[in-house]
Amino acid sequence: MRVTLRGAVLAIVGVLMMPASTLTHHGAASFDNTKEVTVKGTVTEWLWANPHCFLKVEAKDDTGTVRNWNLEFGNPTDITSRGFSRRTFKVGEEITVTVTPVKSGAPVGRARVVTLANGQKL
């Protein structure tokens, strides 16, 4: 019994001594939070799922080249309170999205503001 109690106490102390950074979600490390990009294009897919929802948009860049953007949103519970639903986007719909891009320059980002074809902002 003494060995079990000692082990439990050591385990608890070990967890309490862990840096807070080991317990946090580091999903934002790849995003360049100093930049915003506006993507105007056509919805190709809307994935409503945990832990994050994703929107795929086909858009032309400044050179006229078509790029397929993958845009990350929060989880369904969080974004529902901001006006999103599983039926918010329809394939073929034209939208504009303000995005925090990834640092690598790939067509990937975190959605900030979405403007639907009817002018509604989410």
PDB file of N, CA and C in Angstrom:
ATOM      1  N   MET A   1       0.828  -1.191   0.000  1.00  0.00           N
ATOM      2  CA  MET A   1       0.000   0.000   0.000  1.00  0.00           C
ATOM      3  C   MET A   1       0.867   1.248   0.000  1.00  0.00           C
ATOM      4  N   ARG A   2       1.941   1.231   0.737  1.00  0.00           N
ATOM      5  CA  ARG A   2       2.835   2.382   0.817  1.00  0.00           C
ATOM      6  C   ARG A   2       3.451   2.710  -0.539  1.00  0.00           C
ATOM      7  N   VAL A   3       3.821   1.679  -1.299  1.00  0.00           N
ATOM      8  CA  VAL A   3       4.409   1.886  -2.624  1.00  0.00           C
ATOM      9  C   VAL A   3       3.378   2.498  -3.565  1.00  0.00           C
ATOM     10  N   THR A   4       2.137   2.072  -3.502  1.00  0.00           N
ATOM     11  CA  THR A   4       1.076   2.601  -4.362  1.00  0.00           C
ATOM     12  C   THR A   4       0.810   4.071  -4.040  1.00  0.00           C
ATOM     13  N   LEU A   5       0.758   4.411  -2.779  1.00  0.00           N
ATOM     14  CA  LEU A   5       0.535   5.795  -2.380  1.00  0.00           C
ATOM     15  C   LEU A   5       1.691   6.678  -2.844  1.00  0.00           C
ATOM     16  N   ARG A   6       2.909   6.183  -2.674  1.00  0.00           N
ATOM     17  CA  ARG A   6       4.087   6.948  -3.119  1.00  0.00           C
ATOM     18  C   ARG A   6       4.043   7.168  -4.643  1.00  0.00           C
ATOM     19  N   GLY A   7       3.685   6.139  -5.377  1.00  0.00           N
ATOM     20  CA  GLY A   7       3.584   6.258  -6.835  1.00  0.00           C
ATOM     21  C   GLY A   7       2.527   7.264  -7.256  1.00  0.00           C
ATOM     22  N   ALA A   8       1.388   7.230  -6.569  1.00  0.00           N
ATOM     23  CA  ALA A   8       0.305   8.166  -6.886  1.00  0.00           C
ATOM     24  C   ALA A   8       0.729   9.603  -6.600  1.00  0.00           C
ATOM     25  N   VAL A   9       1.385   9.811  -5.467  1.00  0.00           N
ATOM     26  CA  VAL A   9       1.848  11.155  -5.104  1.00  0.00           C
ATOM     27  C   VAL A   9       2.878  11.647  -6.122  1.00  0.00           C
ATOM     28  N   LEU A  10       3.806  10.788  -6.519  1.00  0.00           N
ATOM     29  CA  LEU A  10       4.810  11.180  -7.521  1.00  0.00           C
ATOM     30  C   LEU A  10       4.162  11.514  -8.870  1.00  0.00           C
ATOM     31  N   ALA A  11       3.166  10.744  -9.258  1.00  0.00           N
ATOM     32  CA  ALA A  11       2.476  11.005 -10.523  1.00  0.00           C
ATOM     33  C   ALA A  11       1.759  12.357 -10.485  1.00  0.00           C
ATOM     34  N   ILE A  12       1.086  12.647  -9.393  1.00  0.00           N
ATOM     35  CA  ILE A  12       0.373  13.921  -9.251  1.00  0.00           C
ATOM     36  C   ILE A  12       1.357  15.094  -9.263  1.00  0.00           C
ATOM     37  N   VAL A  13       2.444  14.959  -8.529  1.00  0.00           N
ATOM     38  CA  VAL A  13       3.462  16.015  -8.505  1.00  0.00           C
ATOM     39  C   VAL A  13       4.050  16.208  -9.901  1.00  0.00           C
ATOM     40  N   GLY A  14       4.293  15.108 -10.598  1.00  0.00           N
ATOM     41  CA  GLY A  14       4.830  15.198 -11.962  1.00  0.00           C
ATOM     42  C   GLY A  14       3.910  15.953 -12.901  1.00  0.00           C
ATOM     43  N   VAL A  15       2.613  15.676 -12.833  1.00  0.00           N
ATOM     44  CA  VAL A  15       1.641  16.374 -13.685  1.00  0.00           C
ATOM     45  C   VAL A  15       1.587  17.853 -13.324  1.00  0.00           C
ATOM     46  N   LEU A  16       1.595  18.163 -12.041  1.00  0.00           N
ATOM     47  CA  LEU A  16       1.532  19.559 -11.616  1.00  0.00           C
ATOM     48  C   LEU A  16       2.784  20.349 -12.001  1.00  0.00           C
ATOM     49  N   MET A  17       3.894  19.683 -12.165  1.00  0.00           N
ATOM     50  CA  MET A  17       5.142  20.362 -12.519  1.00  0.00           C
ATOM     51  C   MET A  17       5.329  20.527 -14.026  1.00  0.00           C
ATOM     52  N   MET A  18       4.458  19.901 -14.816  1.00  0.00           N
ATOM     53  CA  MET A  18       4.582  20.015 -16.265  1.00  0.00           C
ATOM     54  C   MET A  18       4.325  21.457 -16.683  1.00  0.00           C
ATOM     55  N   PRO A  19       5.087  21.947 -17.664  1.00  0.00           N
ATOM     56  CA  PRO A  19       4.809  23.299 -18.146  1.00  0.00           C
ATOM     57  C   PRO A  19       3.421  23.364 -18.785  1.00  0.00           C
ATOM     58  N   ALA A  20       2.771  24.497 -18.636  1.00  0.00           N
ATOM     59  CA  ALA A  20       1.428  24.667 -19.202  1.00  0.00           C
ATOM     60  C   ALA A  20       1.433  24.462 -20.710  1.00  0.00           C
ATOM     61  N   SER A  21       2.526  24.780 -21.376  1.00  0.00           N
ATOM     62  CA  SER A  21       2.589  24.655 -22.835  1.00  0.00           C
ATOM     63  C   SER A  21       2.419  23.216 -23.305  1.00  0.00           C
ATOM     64  N   THR A  22       2.721  22.235 -22.470  1.00  0.00           N
ATOM     65  CA  THR A  22       2.545  20.840 -22.882  1.00  0.00           C
ATOM     66  C   THR A  22       1.089  20.421 -22.856  1.00  0.00           C
ATOM     67  N   LEU A  23       0.249  21.220 -22.238  1.00  0.00           N
ATOM     68  CA  LEU A  23      -1.166  20.886 -22.141  1.00  0.00           C
ATOM     69  C   LEU A  23      -2.033  21.684 -23.104  1.00  0.00           C
ATOM     70  N   THR A  24      -1.444  22.521 -23.923  1.00  0.00           N
ATOM     71  CA  THR A  24      -2.228  23.385 -24.807  1.00  0.00           C
ATOM     72  C   THR A  24      -2.256  22.862 -26.232  1.00  0.00           C
ATOM     73  N   HIS A  25      -3.170  23.399 -26.999  1.00  0.00           N
ATOM     74  CA  HIS A  25      -3.344  23.051 -28.403  1.00  0.00           C
ATOM     75  C   HIS A  25      -2.472  23.992 -29.243  1.00  0.00           C
ATOM     76  N   HIS A  26      -1.579  23.433 -30.036  1.00  0.00           N
ATOM     77  CA  HIS A  26      -0.657  24.264 -30.812  1.00  0.00           C
ATOM     78  C   HIS A  26      -0.995  24.295 -32.296  1.00  0.00           C
ATOM     79  N   GLY A  27      -2.262  24.262 -32.634  1.00  0.00           N
ATOM     80  CA  GLY A  27      -2.666  24.242 -34.026  1.00  0.00           C
ATOM     81  C   GLY A  27      -2.404  25.531 -34.778  1.00  0.00           C
ATOM     82  N   ALA A  28      -2.094  26.619 -34.090  1.00  0.00           N
ATOM     83  CA  ALA A  28      -1.903  27.910 -34.742  1.00  0.00           C
ATOM     84  C   ALA A  28      -0.458  28.166 -35.141  1.00  0.00           C
ATOM     85  N   ALA A  29       0.451  27.272 -34.821  1.00  0.00           N
ATOM     86  CA  ALA A  29       1.877  27.507 -35.064  1.00  0.00           C
ATOM     87  C   ALA A  29       2.201  27.696 -36.537  1.00  0.00           C
ATOM     88  N   SER A  30       1.455  27.072 -37.426  1.00  0.00           N
ATOM     89  CA  SER A  30       1.764  27.165 -38.854  1.00  0.00           C
ATOM     90  C   SER A  30       1.156  28.397 -39.523  1.00  0.00           C
ATOM     91  N   PHE A  31       0.283  29.123 -38.833  1.00  0.00           N
ATOM     92  CA  PHE A  31      -0.382  30.280 -39.424  1.00  0.00           C
ATOM     93  C   PHE A  31       0.416  31.557 -39.201  1.00  0.00           C
ATOM     94  N   ASP A  32       0.399  32.436 -40.203  1.00  0.00           N
ATOM     95  CA  ASP A  32       1.075  33.725 -40.101  1.00  0.00           C
ATOM     96  C   ASP A  32       0.057  34.746 -39.619  1.00  0.00           C
ATOM     97  N   ASN A  33      -0.006  34.939 -38.312  1.00  0.00           N
ATOM     98  CA  ASN A  33      -1.012  35.817 -37.712  1.00  0.00           C
ATOM     99  C   ASN A  33      -0.787  37.296 -37.984  1.00  0.00           C
ATOM    100  N   THR A  34       0.283  37.636 -38.697  1.00  0.00           N
ATOM    101  CA  THR A  34       0.538  39.036 -39.045  1.00  0.00           C
ATOM    102  C   THR A  34      -0.054  39.393 -40.405  1.00  0.00           C
ATOM    103  N   LYS A  35      -0.606  38.405 -41.122  1.00  0.00           N
ATOM    104  CA  LYS A  35      -1.133  38.642 -42.473  1.00  0.00           C
ATOM    105  C   LYS A  35      -2.585  38.224 -42.591  1.00  0.00           C
ATOM    106  N   GLU A  36      -3.260  38.872 -43.532  1.00  0.00           N
ATOM    107  CA  GLU A  36      -4.601  38.462 -43.932  1.00  0.00           C
ATOM    108  C   GLU A  36      -4.645  38.452 -45.447  1.00  0.00           C
ATOM    109  N   VAL A  37      -5.335  37.472 -46.003  1.00  0.00           N
ATOM    110  CA  VAL A  37      -5.485  37.330 -47.448  1.00  0.00           C
ATOM    111  C   VAL A  37      -6.979  37.256 -47.742  1.00  0.00           C
ATOM    112  N   THR A  38      -7.409  37.887 -48.834  1.00  0.00           N
ATOM    113  CA  THR A  38      -8.806  37.784 -49.255  1.00  0.00           C
ATOM    114  C   THR A  38      -8.894  36.799 -50.404  1.00  0.00           C
ATOM    115  N   VAL A  39      -9.721  35.787 -50.219  1.00  0.00           N
ATOM    116  CA  VAL A  39      -9.911  34.743 -51.226  1.00  0.00           C
ATOM    117  C   VAL A  39     -11.320  34.879 -51.779  1.00  0.00           C
ATOM    118  N   LYS A  40     -11.416  35.100 -53.095  1.00  0.00           N
ATOM    119  CA  LYS A  40     -12.721  35.164 -53.759  1.00  0.00           C
ATOM    120  C   LYS A  40     -12.780  33.976 -54.702  1.00  0.00           C
ATOM    121  N   GLY A  41     -13.793  33.137 -54.520  1.00  0.00           N
ATOM    122  CA  GLY A  41     -13.850  31.959 -55.360  1.00  0.00           C
ATOM    123  C   GLY A  41     -15.137  31.186 -55.214  1.00  0.00           C
ATOM    124  N   THR A  42     -15.068  29.930 -55.664  1.00  0.00           N
ATOM    125  CA  THR A  42     -16.215  29.044 -55.725  1.00  0.00           C
ATOM    126  C   THR A  42     -16.057  27.908 -54.721  1.00  0.00           C
ATOM    127  N   VAL A  43     -17.099  27.671 -53.956  1.00  0.00           N
ATOM    128  CA  VAL A  43     -17.084  26.575 -52.985  1.00  0.00           C
ATOM    129  C   VAL A  43     -17.050  25.247 -53.736  1.00  0.00           C
ATOM    130  N   THR A  44     -16.102  24.383 -53.337  1.00  0.00           N
ATOM    131  CA  THR A  44     -16.049  23.043 -53.921  1.00  0.00           C
ATOM    132  C   THR A  44     -16.418  21.964 -52.900  1.00  0.00           C
ATOM    133  N   GLU A  45     -16.276  22.282 -51.600  1.00  0.00           N
ATOM    134  CA  GLU A  45     -16.652  21.316 -50.562  1.00  0.00           C
ATOM    135  C   GLU A  45     -16.754  22.026 -49.208  1.00  0.00           C
ATOM    136  N   TRP A  46     -17.702  21.572 -48.388  1.00  0.00           N
ATOM    137  CA  TRP A  46     -17.869  22.070 -47.017  1.00  0.00           C
ATOM    138  C   TRP A  46     -17.927  20.850 -46.110  1.00  0.00           C
ATOM    139  N   LEU A  47     -16.899  20.694 -45.294  1.00  0.00           N
ATOM    140  CA  LEU A  47     -16.799  19.541 -44.402  1.00  0.00           C
ATOM    141  C   LEU A  47     -17.149  19.974 -42.985  1.00  0.00           C
ATOM    142  N   TRP A  48     -18.294  19.508 -42.500  1.00  0.00           N
ATOM    143  CA  TRP A  48     -18.802  19.843 -41.168  1.00  0.00           C
ATOM    144  C   TRP A  48     -18.452  18.679 -40.252  1.00  0.00           C
ATOM    145  N   ALA A  49     -17.361  18.813 -39.487  1.00  0.00           N
ATOM    146  CA  ALA A  49     -16.891  17.691 -38.677  1.00  0.00           C
ATOM    147  C   ALA A  49     -16.054  18.176 -37.504  1.00  0.00           C
ATOM    148  N   ASN A  50     -15.918  17.334 -36.496  1.00  0.00           N
ATOM    149  CA  ASN A  50     -15.013  17.596 -35.388  1.00  0.00           C
ATOM    150  C   ASN A  50     -13.635  17.058 -35.740  1.00  0.00           C
ATOM    151  N   PRO A  51     -12.548  17.631 -35.304  1.00  0.00           N
ATOM    152  CA  PRO A  51     -12.481  18.742 -34.376  1.00  0.00           C
ATOM    153  C   PRO A  51     -12.534  20.094 -35.071  1.00  0.00           C
ATOM    154  N   HIS A  52     -12.453  20.141 -36.399  1.00  0.00           N
ATOM    155  CA  HIS A  52     -12.526  21.396 -37.141  1.00  0.00           C
ATOM    156  C   HIS A  52     -13.350  21.187 -38.400  1.00  0.00           C
ATOM    157  N   CYS A  53     -14.039  22.245 -38.818  1.00  0.00           N
ATOM    158  CA  CYS A  53     -14.746  22.242 -40.093  1.00  0.00           C
ATOM    159  C   CYS A  53     -13.790  22.803 -41.142  1.00  0.00           C
ATOM    160  N   PHE A  54     -13.941  22.348 -42.392  1.00  0.00           N
ATOM    161  CA  PHE A  54     -13.082  22.815 -43.474  1.00  0.00           C
ATOM    162  C   PHE A  54     -13.918  23.205 -44.677  1.00  0.00           C
ATOM    163  N   LEU A  55     -13.499  24.276 -45.331  1.00  0.00           N
ATOM    164  CA  LEU A  55     -14.131  24.761 -46.546  1.00  0.00           C
ATOM    165  C   LEU A  55     -13.096  24.723 -47.653  1.00  0.00           C
ATOM    166  N   LYS A  56     -13.461  24.140 -48.779  1.00  0.00           N
ATOM    167  CA  LYS A  56     -12.556  24.125 -49.928  1.00  0.00           C
ATOM    168  C   LYS A  56     -13.107  25.082 -50.968  1.00  0.00           C
ATOM    169  N   VAL A  57     -12.217  25.971 -51.426  1.00  0.00           N
ATOM    170  CA  VAL A  57     -12.611  27.026 -52.360  1.00  0.00           C
ATOM    171  C   VAL A  57     -11.625  27.056 -53.526  1.00  0.00           C
ATOM    172  N   GLU A  58     -12.157  27.102 -54.715  1.00  0.00           N
ATOM    173  CA  GLU A  58     -11.338  27.243 -55.924  1.00  0.00           C
ATOM    174  C   GLU A  58     -11.312  28.723 -56.289  1.00  0.00           C
ATOM    175  N   ALA A  59     -10.095  29.306 -56.315  1.00  0.00           N
ATOM    176  CA  ALA A  59      -9.980  30.749 -56.557  1.00  0.00           C
ATOM    177  C   ALA A  59      -8.754  31.046 -57.407  1.00  0.00           C
ATOM    178  N   LYS A  60      -8.842  32.121 -58.186  1.00  0.00           N
ATOM    179  CA  LYS A  60      -7.694  32.555 -58.986  1.00  0.00           C
ATOM    180  C   LYS A  60      -6.809  33.466 -58.146  1.00  0.00           C
ATOM    181  N   ASP A  61      -5.493  33.290 -58.286  1.00  0.00           N
ATOM    182  CA  ASP A  61      -4.568  34.178 -57.580  1.00  0.00           C
ATOM    183  C   ASP A  61      -4.284  35.406 -58.441  1.00  0.00           C
ATOM    184  N   ASP A  62      -3.332  36.231 -58.034  1.00  0.00           N
ATOM    185  CA  ASP A  62      -3.014  37.471 -58.756  1.00  0.00           C
ATOM    186  C   ASP A  62      -2.528  37.235 -60.180  1.00  0.00           C
ATOM    187  N   THR A  63      -1.988  36.053 -60.459  1.00  0.00           N
ATOM    188  CA  THR A  63      -1.477  35.748 -61.801  1.00  0.00           C
ATOM    189  C   THR A  63      -2.530  35.092 -62.681  1.00  0.00           C
ATOM    190  N   GLY A  64      -3.713  34.819 -62.113  1.00  0.00           N
ATOM    191  CA  GLY A  64      -4.776  34.168 -62.866  1.00  0.00           C
ATOM    192  C   GLY A  64      -4.754  32.652 -62.749  1.00  0.00           C
ATOM    193  N   THR A  65      -3.817  32.125 -61.997  1.00  0.00           N
ATOM    194  CA  THR A  65      -3.727  30.681 -61.788  1.00  0.00           C
ATOM    195  C   THR A  65      -4.779  30.243 -60.767  1.00  0.00           C
ATOM    196  N   VAL A  66      -5.485  29.171 -61.081  1.00  0.00           N
ATOM    197  CA  VAL A  66      -6.498  28.658 -60.162  1.00  0.00           C
ATOM    198  C   VAL A  66      -5.802  27.888 -59.043  1.00  0.00           C
ATOM    199  N   ARG A  67      -6.148  28.252 -57.821  1.00  0.00           N
ATOM    200  CA  ARG A  67      -5.611  27.567 -56.637  1.00  0.00           C
ATOM    201  C   ARG A  67      -6.779  27.016 -55.833  1.00  0.00           C
ATOM    202  N   ASN A  68      -6.583  25.850 -55.283  1.00  0.00           N
ATOM    203  CA  ASN A  68      -7.601  25.211 -54.451  1.00  0.00           C
ATOM    204  C   ASN A  68      -7.260  25.448 -52.986  1.00  0.00           C
ATOM    205  N   TRP A  69      -8.013  26.341 -52.357  1.00  0.00           N
ATOM    206  CA  TRP A  69      -7.767  26.725 -50.972  1.00  0.00           C
ATOM    207  C   TRP A  69      -8.465  25.772 -50.016  1.00  0.00           C
ATOM    208  N   ASN A  70      -7.772  25.413 -48.948  1.00  0.00           N
ATOM    209  CA  ASN A  70      -8.335  24.635 -47.849  1.00  0.00           C
ATOM    210  C   ASN A  70      -8.389  25.562 -46.646  1.00  0.00           C
ATOM    211  N   LEU A  71      -9.593  25.865 -46.192  1.00  0.00           N
ATOM    212  CA  LEU A  71      -9.776  26.850 -45.132  1.00  0.00           C
ATOM    213  C   LEU A  71     -10.322  26.187 -43.879  1.00  0.00           C
ATOM    214  N   GLU A  72      -9.658  26.438 -42.772  1.00  0.00           N
ATOM    215  CA  GLU A  72     -10.019  25.843 -41.498  1.00  0.00           C
ATOM    216  C   GLU A  72     -10.937  26.755 -40.706  1.00  0.00           C
ATOM    217  N   PHE A  73     -11.919  26.149 -40.074  1.00  0.00           N
ATOM    218  CA  PHE A  73     -12.833  26.832 -39.163  1.00  0.00           C
ATOM    219  C   PHE A  73     -12.717  26.149 -37.801  1.00  0.00           C
ATOM    220  N   GLY A  74     -13.434  26.651 -36.827  1.00  0.00           N
ATOM    221  CA  GLY A  74     -13.465  26.013 -35.520  1.00  0.00           C
ATOM    222  C   GLY A  74     -14.319  24.759 -35.558  1.00  0.00           C
ATOM    223  N   ASN A  75     -14.613  24.232 -34.396  1.00  0.00           N
ATOM    224  CA  ASN A  75     -15.460  23.040 -34.337  1.00  0.00           C
ATOM    225  C   ASN A  75     -16.927  23.439 -34.510  1.00  0.00           C
ATOM    226  N   PRO A  76     -17.778  22.488 -34.905  1.00  0.00           N
ATOM    227  CA  PRO A  76     -19.185  22.817 -35.162  1.00  0.00           C
ATOM    228  C   PRO A  76     -19.892  23.526 -34.007  1.00  0.00           C
ATOM    229  N   THR A  77     -19.633  23.125 -32.786  1.00  0.00           N
ATOM    230  CA  THR A  77     -20.297  23.750 -31.640  1.00  0.00           C
ATOM    231  C   THR A  77     -19.959  25.233 -31.548  1.00  0.00           C
ATOM    232  N   ASP A  78     -18.674  25.573 -31.699  1.00  0.00           N
ATOM    233  CA  ASP A  78     -18.252  26.969 -31.591  1.00  0.00           C
ATOM    234  C   ASP A  78     -18.750  27.824 -32.753  1.00  0.00           C
ATOM    235  N   ILE A  79     -18.689  27.313 -33.974  1.00  0.00           N
ATOM    236  CA  ILE A  79     -19.051  28.159 -35.112  1.00  0.00           C
ATOM    237  C   ILE A  79     -20.550  28.262 -35.329  1.00  0.00           C
ATOM    238  N   THR A  80     -21.330  27.344 -34.735  1.00  0.00           N
ATOM    239  CA  THR A  80     -22.787  27.458 -34.823  1.00  0.00           C
ATOM    240  C   THR A  80     -23.252  28.753 -34.169  1.00  0.00           C
ATOM    241  N   SER A  81     -22.626  29.122 -33.066  1.00  0.00           N
ATOM    242  CA  SER A  81     -23.011  30.353 -32.381  1.00  0.00           C
ATOM    243  C   SER A  81     -22.637  31.597 -33.182  1.00  0.00           C
ATOM    244  N   ARG A  82     -21.834  31.436 -34.227  1.00  0.00           N
ATOM    245  CA  ARG A  82     -21.439  32.557 -35.090  1.00  0.00           C
ATOM    246  C   ARG A  82     -22.223  32.575 -36.399  1.00  0.00           C
ATOM    247  N   GLY A  83     -23.258  31.724 -36.484  1.00  0.00           N
ATOM    248  CA  GLY A  83     -24.136  31.746 -37.642  1.00  0.00           C
ATOM    249  C   GLY A  83     -23.891  30.673 -38.681  1.00  0.00           C
ATOM    250  N   PHE A  84     -22.912  29.796 -38.470  1.00  0.00           N
ATOM    251  CA  PHE A  84     -22.622  28.731 -39.433  1.00  0.00           C
ATOM    252  C   PHE A  84     -23.462  27.500 -39.132  1.00  0.00           C
ATOM    253  N   SER A  85     -23.734  26.722 -40.184  1.00  0.00           N
ATOM    254  CA  SER A  85     -24.422  25.438 -40.019  1.00  0.00           C
ATOM    255  C   SER A  85     -23.890  24.492 -41.094  1.00  0.00           C
ATOM    256  N   ARG A  86     -24.350  23.260 -41.015  1.00  0.00           N
ATOM    257  CA  ARG A  86     -23.900  22.283 -42.012  1.00  0.00           C
ATOM    258  C   ARG A  86     -24.406  22.638 -43.416  1.00  0.00           C
ATOM    259  N   ARG A  87     -25.368  23.560 -43.492  1.00  0.00           N
ATOM    260  CA  ARG A  87     -25.939  23.962 -44.789  1.00  0.00           C
ATOM    261  C   ARG A  87     -25.538  25.381 -45.216  1.00  0.00           C
ATOM    262  N   THR A  88     -24.565  25.981 -44.538  1.00  0.00           N
ATOM    263  CA  THR A  88     -24.168  27.361 -44.834  1.00  0.00           C
ATOM    264  C   THR A  88     -23.645  27.514 -46.250  1.00  0.00           C
ATOM    265  N   PHE A  89     -22.811  26.574 -46.702  1.00  0.00           N
ATOM    266  CA  PHE A  89     -22.175  26.687 -48.011  1.00  0.00           C
ATOM    267  C   PHE A  89     -22.709  25.618 -48.952  1.00  0.00           C
ATOM    268  N   LYS A  90     -22.888  26.018 -50.216  1.00  0.00           N
ATOM    269  CA  LYS A  90     -23.327  25.089 -51.247  1.00  0.00           C
ATOM    270  C   LYS A  90     -22.262  25.023 -52.337  1.00  0.00           C
ATOM    271  N   VAL A  91     -21.994  23.836 -52.805  1.00  0.00           N
ATOM    272  CA  VAL A  91     -21.017  23.664 -53.881  1.00  0.00           C
ATOM    273  C   VAL A  91     -21.446  24.523 -55.067  1.00  0.00           C
ATOM    274  N   GLY A  92     -20.496  25.280 -55.624  1.00  0.00           N
ATOM    275  CA  GLY A  92     -20.770  26.154 -56.753  1.00  0.00           C
ATOM    276  C   GLY A  92     -21.066  27.592 -56.370  1.00  0.00           C
ATOM    277  N   GLU A  93     -21.284  27.834 -55.085  1.00  0.00           N
ATOM    278  CA  GLU A  93     -21.592  29.176 -54.603  1.00  0.00           C
ATOM    279  C   GLU A  93     -20.336  30.048 -54.607  1.00  0.00           C
ATOM    280  N   GLU A  94     -20.496  31.310 -55.010  1.00  0.00           N
ATOM    281  CA  GLU A  94     -19.393  32.273 -54.996  1.00  0.00           C
ATOM    282  C   GLU A  94     -19.337  32.936 -53.623  1.00  0.00           C
ATOM    283  N   ILE A  95     -18.148  32.979 -53.025  1.00  0.00           N
ATOM    284  CA  ILE A  95     -17.981  33.585 -51.713  1.00  0.00           C
ATOM    285  C   ILE A  95     -16.667  34.355 -51.656  1.00  0.00           C
ATOM    286  N   THR A  96     -16.538  35.166 -50.622  1.00  0.00           N
ATOM    287  CA  THR A  96     -15.289  35.877 -50.323  1.00  0.00           C
ATOM    288  C   THR A  96     -14.948  35.566 -48.876  1.00  0.00           C
ATOM    289  N   VAL A  97     -13.691  35.189 -48.648  1.00  0.00           N
ATOM    290  CA  VAL A  97     -13.258  34.824 -47.300  1.00  0.00           C
ATOM    291  C   VAL A  97     -11.972  35.571 -46.962  1.00  0.00           C
ATOM    292  N   THR A  98     -11.950  36.213 -45.801  1.00  0.00           N
ATOM    293  CA  THR A  98     -10.721  36.794 -45.276  1.00  0.00           C
ATOM    294  C   THR A  98     -10.053  35.700 -44.464  1.00  0.00           C
ATOM    295  N   VAL A  99      -8.769  35.466 -44.771  1.00  0.00           N
ATOM    296  CA  VAL A  99      -8.059  34.303 -44.251  1.00  0.00           C
ATOM    297  C   VAL A  99      -6.749  34.707 -43.589  1.00  0.00           C
ATOM    298  N   THR A 100      -6.385  34.009 -42.515  1.00  0.00           N
ATOM    299  CA  THR A 100      -5.032  34.069 -41.980  1.00  0.00           C
ATOM    300  C   THR A 100      -4.291  32.931 -42.665  1.00  0.00           C
ATOM    301  N   PRO A 101      -3.339  33.226 -43.560  1.00  0.00           N
ATOM    302  CA  PRO A 101      -2.683  32.165 -44.330  1.00  0.00           C
ATOM    303  C   PRO A 101      -1.616  31.420 -43.523  1.00  0.00           C
ATOM    304  N   VAL A 102      -1.198  30.276 -44.040  1.00  0.00           N
ATOM    305  CA  VAL A 102      -0.075  29.565 -43.426  1.00  0.00           C
ATOM    306  C   VAL A 102       1.220  30.252 -43.840  1.00  0.00           C
ATOM    307  N   LYS A 103       2.256  30.051 -43.043  1.00  0.00           N
ATOM    308  CA  LYS A 103       3.549  30.690 -43.288  1.00  0.00           C
ATOM    309  C   LYS A 103       4.231  30.201 -44.552  1.00  0.00           C
ATOM    310  N   SER A 104       3.943  28.985 -44.967  1.00  0.00           N
ATOM    311  CA  SER A 104       4.618  28.392 -46.127  1.00  0.00           C
ATOM    312  C   SER A 104       4.179  28.976 -47.462  1.00  0.00           C
ATOM    313  N   GLY A 105       3.061  29.686 -47.496  1.00  0.00           N
ATOM    314  CA  GLY A 105       2.561  30.239 -48.750  1.00  0.00           C
ATOM    315  C   GLY A 105       1.624  29.293 -49.489  1.00  0.00           C
ATOM    316  N   ALA A 106       1.400  28.115 -48.963  1.00  0.00           N
ATOM    317  CA  ALA A 106       0.457  27.169 -49.573  1.00  0.00           C
ATOM    318  C   ALA A 106      -0.955  27.743 -49.485  1.00  0.00           C
ATOM    319  N   PRO A 107      -1.865  27.306 -50.345  1.00  0.00           N
ATOM    320  CA  PRO A 107      -3.242  27.821 -50.303  1.00  0.00           C
ATOM    321  C   PRO A 107      -4.053  27.190 -49.164  1.00  0.00           C
ATOM    322  N   VAL A 108      -3.622  27.481 -47.971  1.00  0.00           N
ATOM    323  CA  VAL A 108      -4.241  26.947 -46.757  1.00  0.00           C
ATOM    324  C   VAL A 108      -4.336  28.101 -45.767  1.00  0.00           C
ATOM    325  N   GLY A 109      -5.431  28.160 -45.024  1.00  0.00           N
ATOM    326  CA  GLY A 109      -5.557  29.225 -44.046  1.00  0.00           C
ATOM    327  C   GLY A 109      -6.682  29.002 -43.078  1.00  0.00           C
ATOM    328  N   ARG A 110      -6.747  29.886 -42.126  1.00  0.00           N
ATOM    329  CA  ARG A 110      -7.818  29.867 -41.135  1.00  0.00           C
ATOM    330  C   ARG A 110      -8.787  30.977 -41.485  1.00  0.00           C
ATOM    331  N   ALA A 111     -10.046  30.631 -41.669  1.00  0.00           N
ATOM    332  CA  ALA A 111     -11.070  31.605 -42.049  1.00  0.00           C
ATOM    333  C   ALA A 111     -11.336  32.585 -40.915  1.00  0.00           C
ATOM    334  N   ARG A 112     -11.448  33.861 -41.258  1.00  0.00           N
ATOM    335  CA  ARG A 112     -11.748  34.911 -40.281  1.00  0.00           C
ATOM    336  C   ARG A 112     -13.129  35.501 -40.525  1.00  0.00           C
ATOM    337  N   VAL A 113     -13.376  35.975 -41.733  1.00  0.00           N
ATOM    338  CA  VAL A 113     -14.668  36.569 -42.089  1.00  0.00           C
ATOM    339  C   VAL A 113     -15.098  35.980 -43.429  1.00  0.00           C
ATOM    340  N   VAL A 114     -16.354  35.570 -43.493  1.00  0.00           N
ATOM    341  CA  VAL A 114     -16.899  35.021 -44.731  1.00  0.00           C
ATOM    342  C   VAL A 114     -18.009  35.938 -45.209  1.00  0.00           C
ATOM    343  N   THR A 115     -17.970  36.294 -46.493  1.00  0.00           N
ATOM    344  CA  THR A 115     -19.055  37.058 -47.097  1.00  0.00           C
ATOM    345  C   THR A 115     -19.720  36.168 -48.135  1.00  0.00           C
ATOM    346  N   LEU A 116     -20.994  35.866 -47.902  1.00  0.00           N
ATOM    347  CA  LEU A 116     -21.750  35.015 -48.815  1.00  0.00           C
ATOM    348  C   LEU A 116     -22.157  35.804 -50.061  1.00  0.00           C
ATOM    349  N   ALA A 117     -22.649  35.098 -51.059  1.00  0.00           N
ATOM    350  CA  ALA A 117     -23.059  35.720 -52.324  1.00  0.00           C
ATOM    351  C   ALA A 117     -24.140  36.777 -52.113  1.00  0.00           C
ATOM    352  N   ASN A 118     -24.993  36.603 -51.095  1.00  0.00           N
ATOM    353  CA  ASN A 118     -26.063  37.568 -50.834  1.00  0.00           C
ATOM    354  C   ASN A 118     -25.605  38.762 -50.009  1.00  0.00           C
ATOM    355  N   GLY A 119     -24.290  38.816 -49.689  1.00  0.00           N
ATOM    356  CA  GLY A 119     -23.734  39.934 -48.923  1.00  0.00           C
ATOM    357  C   GLY A 119     -23.683  39.718 -47.425  1.00  0.00           C
ATOM    358  N   GLN A 120     -24.292  38.631 -46.949  1.00  0.00           N
ATOM    359  CA  GLN A 120     -24.278  38.329 -45.507  1.00  0.00           C
ATOM    360  C   GLN A 120     -22.854  37.991 -45.051  1.00  0.00           C
ATOM    361  N   LYS A 121     -22.462  38.605 -43.929  1.00  0.00           N
ATOM    362  CA  LYS A 121     -21.134  38.347 -43.362  1.00  0.00           C
ATOM    363  C   LYS A 121     -21.261  37.463 -42.127  1.00  0.00           C
ATOM    364  N   LEU A 122     -20.383  36.489 -42.080  1.00  0.00           N
ATOM    365  CA  LEU A 122     -20.337  35.581 -40.927  1.00  0.00           C
ATOM    366  C   LEU A 122     -18.946  35.668 -40.322  1.00  0.00           C
TER     367      LEU A 122
END
